[in-house]
């Protein structure tokens, strides 16, 4: 594996590329090398997210997969119906097939994909009704039974048509930086390949699909999060001073990304019944955290519900987060101590947990550790999130204004 860019033409406009979330289960079934190779090929697509000029060279240069392994991976992807070669020769190209044409994908109506014998037959049928010979009709009827073609007696056939919602892609936007390795660093996708942990690869893609920086600061707190316990300390004017201490991690089985891991089979863990998929989910999440691909960033929210909204970030201790986000946490603590009339050296000042003043009318305030992805696609959504920096500064200044009003000279501080 080389650490420099591929000799293939550099595609993936704007620092990101896309895959359809609905093909992920099929992709994972193909194995690690094929799944990684698929992502590399998608990295090389153009604006349509369909045609890629990246091939064996790109796979070899961006990953630890050998040339022979890359060739086998591409053959597996073609055989599974995930890609189709559109140009042969020394500079081949491939079509990334849409999800509704991938048998077994969430969107694909056909019960099964065409066999090797049936695929050449399918090529005789186009988008419009075509009358075929009796011989070809007999060979097409099994494909009609699978839902791959439509049949109009006696011998007219056309390719199966799908409704607009089925055809519409469910894009997951991934950053080029997952595939591209910086000088002296191993690319994130190669780290995952080395782990040979397919559930972690699947979870990473699903996290990108569910990630909403602008709306939530990461993954929604009602999907997966670290929970905090909140305690009201006192009411001071328009502010209620809260202390929040970290508790447990939790995830929702009916929401992405955890829902994709649920099996419907139960097992007993520590005397409790749970879905057998939870072990795989938490192990995959632990690996992504270990590799530094995801981390938690604590946020203050209006209420721990679907209707609540983020008030502001407040990273806890050594968490990841932007410098302006950490500045809010520090200012909020100073303001809380000032409102309580105590010094930073007091018992409260030396206590663990987050100290945050919350406007008193927000009675159901909560703090949650939201999962945030380290590598971010350079999309409009990411730009909108970065545009919130002015709001973060306003929150810092709001808390510092409290400290200024309640200056040490105006208080009898309790040590």
Foldseek 3Di string as FASTA:
>chain_A
DAQAAFPPDQAAPQQKFKDFLQCLVVLLVLFLLLNLLVVQQLRQDHPVSWKGQDALRSSVHQAVQDSVSRVVSVVSCVQQPQKAWDADDPRTMITRDAQCQGAPGPLDQFVGHDDPVLVVLLVVAEADKDFDDPVSQVSCVVVVVRQQWPDDPPGIIHGHDDDPVSRDGLIQMGGPQQRRHDVPGRRVSNVVSVVSQSLLVSQLSQQSSQFFCLFANGHDVAAKWWFWDKDFDDDFVQWTKIFIGTDGIDGDCCDPPNVVQFDPDWDADPNDIDGPSPVSVVVSVVVCVVSVFKWWWKFKWLAPDPPIGTPATDGFDPTDDDPLNVLLQVLQLLLQCLSVQADCPDPVNPDDGGIGIDGVVSPRMTMITHMHGPDDRSDPSVVSSVVCSVVSNVSSVVSVVSCVVSDPVNGDHDD
